Amino acid sequence: MRVENSFIGVDGVGEKTERSIWEQGVTHWDAFEPGVVGGKRGDNIQQFIDEGRGRLDAGDVRYFDRQFPNSEQWRLYETFRDRACFFDIETTGLDEHRNQVTTVSLHQAGETETLVAGDDLTAGNLRAAFADADLLVTFNGKRFDVPFLEANFDVDLDRPHLDLMYTCKQVGLSGGLKQVEQDIGIERDRPDISGRDAVRLWREHESGRDGALETLVSYNREDTVNLRTLADEVSGTLHDDVFVE
């Protein structure tokens, strides 16, 4: 579903009203006329559409992020997918104030980049990597990845953020990323590696073990690339569940 199919970004328009609009055959902004709803609400929707067209032309993801309820952030995805940054981090522990970020992988515009501690993982490189990211896509990134990066590198990641952990719960998928991947059939090259193994691999790399870093980077990159597949799958499921075409 694209933002142009949505009317729920208007004060006074909830799921019931939006569904009623769709059921009248008005499934896109282009087909809307205030008389479809009538009264002040119809005028408000028309104002939202008029404003939204300009915001859409300007690529203003933040506007729609503010307008849509948190549970409807997934609607941003199809429209702004090409400008999204799928990213995942590995660390030495769970405390952003005591533990270290070891690798950061980012997948955007079809390319995957990995930054490694002690090499190219710096605040400047992170800022450059996120510079063109209008929409962040993570799994549990709001509680983990973003706080870690902001605490360790003083980077500002305050921008629209689709955290797939919550989106997955909307379609009945629970558990960690690996569990969700298994549930929907996403396969991994190394399904035997876990987040705990990622900590071990970093320690082995620090001690000089050949191949440990390469395995860690491969694992981290696969996490990141799989986020794109997961986002496609879950947003498609929500589209089918919600949208009246």
Protein backbone atom coordinates (compact mmCIF):
# COMPACT_ATOMS: atom_id res chain seq x y z
CA MET A 1 0.00 0.00 0.00
CA ARG A 2 1.28 3.45 -0.91
CA VAL A 3 0.64 6.60 1.06
CA GLU A 4 -1.64 7.80 -1.77
CA ASN A 5 -4.05 4.99 -0.89
CA SER A 6 -4.28 6.20 2.70
CA PHE A 7 -6.74 8.55 4.38
CA ILE A 8 -5.96 7.56 7.96
CA GLY A 9 -3.45 10.38 8.30
CA VAL A 10 -6.29 12.84 8.90
CA ASP A 11 -7.62 13.82 12.31
CA GLY A 12 -10.98 12.16 12.80
CA VAL A 13 -10.35 9.42 10.24
CA GLY A 14 -9.83 5.99 11.76
CA GLU A 15 -9.80 2.49 10.32
CA LYS A 16 -13.61 2.34 10.05
CA THR A 17 -13.95 5.61 8.12
CA GLU A 18 -11.04 4.79 5.84
CA ARG A 19 -12.48 1.37 5.04
CA SER A 20 -15.82 2.99 4.25
CA ILE A 21 -14.09 5.31 1.78
CA TRP A 22 -12.33 2.39 0.09
CA GLU A 23 -15.55 0.39 -0.10
CA GLN A 24 -17.08 3.24 -2.11
CA GLY A 25 -14.37 2.65 -4.73
CA VAL A 26 -12.20 5.56 -3.59
CA THR A 27 -8.88 3.78 -3.12
CA HIS A 28 -6.55 6.56 -4.25
CA TRP A 29 -6.25 10.28 -3.58
CA ASP A 30 -7.03 10.95 -7.25
CA ALA A 31 -10.52 9.51 -6.84
CA PHE A 32 -11.44 11.44 -3.70
CA GLU A 33 -14.04 14.19 -3.54
CA PRO A 34 -15.15 15.79 -0.24
CA GLY A 35 -18.71 14.65 -0.84
CA VAL A 36 -17.63 11.03 -0.37
CA VAL A 37 -17.48 11.72 3.36
CA GLY A 38 -19.19 15.06 3.64
CA GLY A 39 -18.99 17.88 6.15
CA LYS A 40 -15.86 19.08 7.86
CA ARG A 41 -14.24 15.63 7.69
CA GLY A 42 -14.40 15.63 3.89
CA ASP A 43 -12.76 19.07 3.79
CA ASN A 44 -10.04 17.90 6.18
CA ILE A 45 -9.29 14.90 3.99
CA GLN A 46 -9.06 17.11 0.91
CA GLN A 47 -6.66 19.43 2.74
CA PHE A 48 -4.54 16.43 3.73
CA ILE A 49 -4.42 15.25 0.11
CA ASP A 50 -3.51 18.70 -1.20
CA GLU A 51 -0.75 19.02 1.37
CA GLY A 52 0.32 15.42 0.85
CA ARG A 53 0.89 15.80 -2.87
CA GLY A 54 3.48 18.49 -2.32
CA ARG A 55 5.10 16.58 0.51
CA LEU A 56 5.25 13.47 -1.66
CA ASP A 57 6.85 15.37 -4.54
CA ALA A 58 9.44 16.69 -2.07
CA GLY A 59 10.11 13.21 -0.68
CA ASP A 60 9.12 14.38 2.81
CA VAL A 61 9.00 11.05 4.64
CA ARG A 62 8.91 12.79 8.02
CA TYR A 63 5.58 14.42 7.20
CA PHE A 64 3.82 11.11 6.60
CA ASP A 65 5.60 9.54 9.56
CA ARG A 66 4.07 12.25 11.76
CA GLN A 67 0.63 11.98 10.17
CA PHE A 68 0.18 8.22 10.32
CA PRO A 69 -0.47 6.37 13.60
CA ASN A 70 2.47 4.30 14.84
CA SER A 71 0.70 1.08 13.92
CA GLU A 72 0.42 2.30 10.32
CA GLN A 73 4.07 3.23 9.73
CA TRP A 74 4.37 0.20 7.46
CA ARG A 75 2.43 2.20 4.86
CA LEU A 76 5.52 4.34 4.31
CA TYR A 77 7.49 1.37 3.11
CA GLU A 78 6.24 0.80 -0.43
CA THR A 79 6.37 4.49 -1.29
CA PHE A 80 9.82 5.16 0.15
CA ARG A 81 11.43 1.71 -0.12
CA ASP A 82 14.07 2.88 -2.60
CA ARG A 83 15.30 5.47 -0.09
CA ALA A 84 15.29 3.14 2.91
CA CYS A 85 18.36 1.99 4.81
CA PHE A 86 18.16 -1.54 6.21
CA PHE A 87 20.77 -1.89 8.92
CA ASP A 88 21.92 -4.14 11.74
CA ILE A 89 24.75 -4.03 14.27
CA GLU A 90 26.78 -6.55 16.22
CA THR A 91 28.15 -5.76 19.68
CA THR A 92 30.10 -7.29 22.55
CA GLY A 93 27.07 -7.16 24.86
CA LEU A 94 23.68 -5.63 25.54
CA ASP A 95 24.62 -2.40 27.39
CA GLU A 96 25.23 0.55 25.07
CA HIS A 97 27.18 2.34 27.82
CA ARG A 98 29.56 -0.53 28.60
CA ASN A 99 29.81 -2.63 25.46
CA GLN A 100 31.33 -2.06 22.05
CA VAL A 101 29.82 -1.99 18.57
CA THR A 102 31.88 -4.40 16.47
CA THR A 103 30.28 -4.28 13.02
CA VAL A 104 27.55 -2.28 11.31
CA SER A 105 26.04 -3.46 8.03
CA LEU A 106 23.82 -1.23 5.91
CA HIS A 107 21.85 -2.27 2.85
CA GLN A 108 20.52 0.52 0.67
CA ALA A 109 20.00 1.13 -3.05
CA GLY A 110 20.80 -2.52 -3.68
CA GLU A 111 24.27 -2.31 -2.13
CA THR A 112 25.53 -3.62 1.22
CA GLU A 113 28.30 -1.95 3.19
CA THR A 114 29.90 -3.20 6.41
CA LEU A 115 31.90 -1.02 8.80
CA VAL A 116 34.25 -2.78 11.23
CA ALA A 117 35.55 -1.59 14.61
CA GLY A 118 39.24 -0.79 14.56
CA ASP A 119 39.11 -0.20 10.80
CA ASP A 120 36.48 1.98 9.16
CA LEU A 121 33.74 2.07 11.85
CA THR A 122 33.93 5.74 12.76
CA ALA A 123 31.42 8.47 13.52
CA GLY A 124 32.25 10.20 10.25
CA ASN A 125 31.74 7.09 8.17
CA LEU A 126 28.47 6.32 9.95
CA ARG A 127 27.16 9.82 9.27
CA ALA A 128 28.11 9.45 5.62
CA ALA A 129 26.50 6.01 5.40
CA PHE A 130 23.21 7.28 6.83
CA ALA A 131 23.27 10.62 4.99
CA ASP A 132 20.83 9.59 2.26
CA ALA A 133 18.65 7.36 4.43
CA ASP A 134 15.17 8.86 4.66
CA LEU A 135 13.65 5.75 6.24
CA LEU A 136 15.42 3.39 8.64
CA VAL A 137 14.39 -0.27 8.65
CA THR A 138 15.54 -2.56 11.48
CA PHE A 139 14.46 -5.41 13.70
CA ASN A 140 14.36 -4.22 17.33
CA GLY A 141 16.45 -1.25 16.24
CA LYS A 142 14.48 1.32 18.20
CA ARG A 143 15.45 -0.34 21.47
CA PHE A 144 18.87 -1.71 20.53
CA ASP A 145 20.70 -0.65 17.35
CA VAL A 146 19.86 3.06 17.38
CA PRO A 147 20.61 3.67 21.10
CA PHE A 148 23.92 1.79 20.71
CA LEU A 149 25.06 3.86 17.74
CA GLU A 150 23.93 7.15 19.23
CA ALA A 151 25.67 6.42 22.54
CA ASN A 152 28.91 5.12 21.04
CA PHE A 153 29.37 7.43 18.06
CA ASP A 154 27.33 10.56 18.79
CA VAL A 155 25.36 10.19 15.56
CA ASP A 156 21.83 11.52 15.15
CA LEU A 157 19.44 8.85 13.86
CA ASP A 158 16.25 10.74 14.60
CA ARG A 159 14.33 10.02 11.41
CA PRO A 160 11.39 7.86 10.31
CA HIS A 161 12.04 4.32 11.47
CA LEU A 162 10.16 1.15 10.60
CA ASP A 163 11.04 -1.36 13.31
CA LEU A 164 9.97 -4.71 11.89
CA MET A 165 9.80 -6.36 15.30
CA TYR A 166 6.56 -4.46 15.96
CA THR A 167 5.31 -4.79 12.37
CA CYS A 168 5.78 -8.56 12.54
CA LYS A 169 3.70 -8.73 15.71
CA GLN A 170 0.83 -7.11 13.80
CA VAL A 171 0.69 -10.18 11.55
CA GLY A 172 1.19 -12.72 14.35
CA LEU A 173 4.94 -13.23 14.00
CA SER A 174 6.82 -13.17 17.29
CA GLY A 175 10.28 -14.00 18.57
CA GLY A 176 13.67 -12.83 17.38
CA LEU A 177 14.71 -12.17 13.80
CA LYS A 178 15.98 -15.71 13.22
CA GLN A 179 12.71 -17.22 14.46
CA VAL A 180 10.63 -14.92 12.28
CA GLU A 181 12.78 -15.75 9.26
CA GLN A 182 12.21 -19.46 9.84
CA ASP A 183 8.48 -18.92 10.25
CA ILE A 184 8.14 -17.27 6.83
CA GLY A 185 10.73 -19.41 5.04
CA ILE A 186 13.73 -17.10 4.70
CA GLU A 187 16.81 -19.32 4.48
CA ARG A 188 20.30 -18.52 5.74
CA ASP A 189 23.73 -19.65 4.56
CA ARG A 190 24.76 -20.21 8.21
CA PRO A 191 21.63 -20.90 10.26
CA ASP A 192 23.79 -22.26 13.07
CA ILE A 193 25.20 -18.82 13.99
CA SER A 194 23.42 -16.68 16.59
CA GLY A 195 23.92 -13.31 18.24
CA ARG A 196 25.86 -15.03 21.01
CA ASP A 197 28.18 -16.53 18.40
CA ALA A 198 28.72 -13.04 17.02
CA VAL A 199 30.26 -12.00 20.35
CA ARG A 200 32.46 -15.09 20.33
CA LEU A 201 33.57 -14.48 16.76
CA TRP A 202 34.68 -10.96 17.62
CA ARG A 203 36.71 -12.20 20.57
CA GLU A 204 38.31 -14.81 18.33
CA HIS A 205 39.11 -12.12 15.77
CA GLU A 206 40.76 -10.03 18.50
CA SER A 207 42.88 -13.03 19.48
CA GLY A 208 44.00 -13.46 15.88
CA ARG A 209 41.98 -16.43 14.69
CA ASP A 210 41.88 -16.60 10.91
CA GLY A 211 38.44 -16.37 9.36
CA ALA A 212 36.59 -15.22 12.49
CA LEU A 213 36.04 -11.67 11.24
CA GLU A 214 34.98 -12.86 7.79
CA THR A 215 32.36 -15.14 9.35
CA LEU A 216 31.10 -12.35 11.61
CA VAL A 217 30.82 -9.91 8.73
CA SER A 218 29.00 -12.46 6.59
CA TYR A 219 26.53 -13.10 9.42
CA ASN A 220 25.93 -9.38 9.99
CA ARG A 221 25.44 -8.68 6.28
CA GLU A 222 22.95 -11.53 5.97
CA ASP A 223 20.93 -10.06 8.85
CA THR A 224 20.78 -6.77 7.00
CA VAL A 225 19.90 -8.09 3.55
CA ASN A 226 17.22 -10.34 5.02
CA LEU A 227 15.53 -7.28 6.50
CA ARG A 228 14.63 -6.21 2.97
CA THR A 229 12.99 -9.58 2.28
CA LEU A 230 11.18 -9.49 5.61
CA ALA A 231 9.92 -5.95 5.06
CA ASP A 232 8.59 -6.89 1.62
CA GLU A 233 6.84 -9.94 3.04
CA VAL A 234 5.27 -8.34 6.09
CA SER A 235 4.15 -5.13 4.36
CA GLY A 236 2.59 -7.28 1.64
CA THR A 237 0.71 -9.32 4.23
CA LEU A 238 -0.60 -6.17 5.93
CA HIS A 239 -1.63 -4.77 2.55
CA ASP A 240 -3.68 -7.88 1.86
CA ASP A 241 -5.20 -7.83 5.36
CA VAL A 242 -6.08 -4.14 5.45
CA PHE A 243 -6.59 -2.67 2.00
CA VAL A 244 -9.94 -2.87 0.22
CA GLU A 245 -9.09 -2.70 -3.47
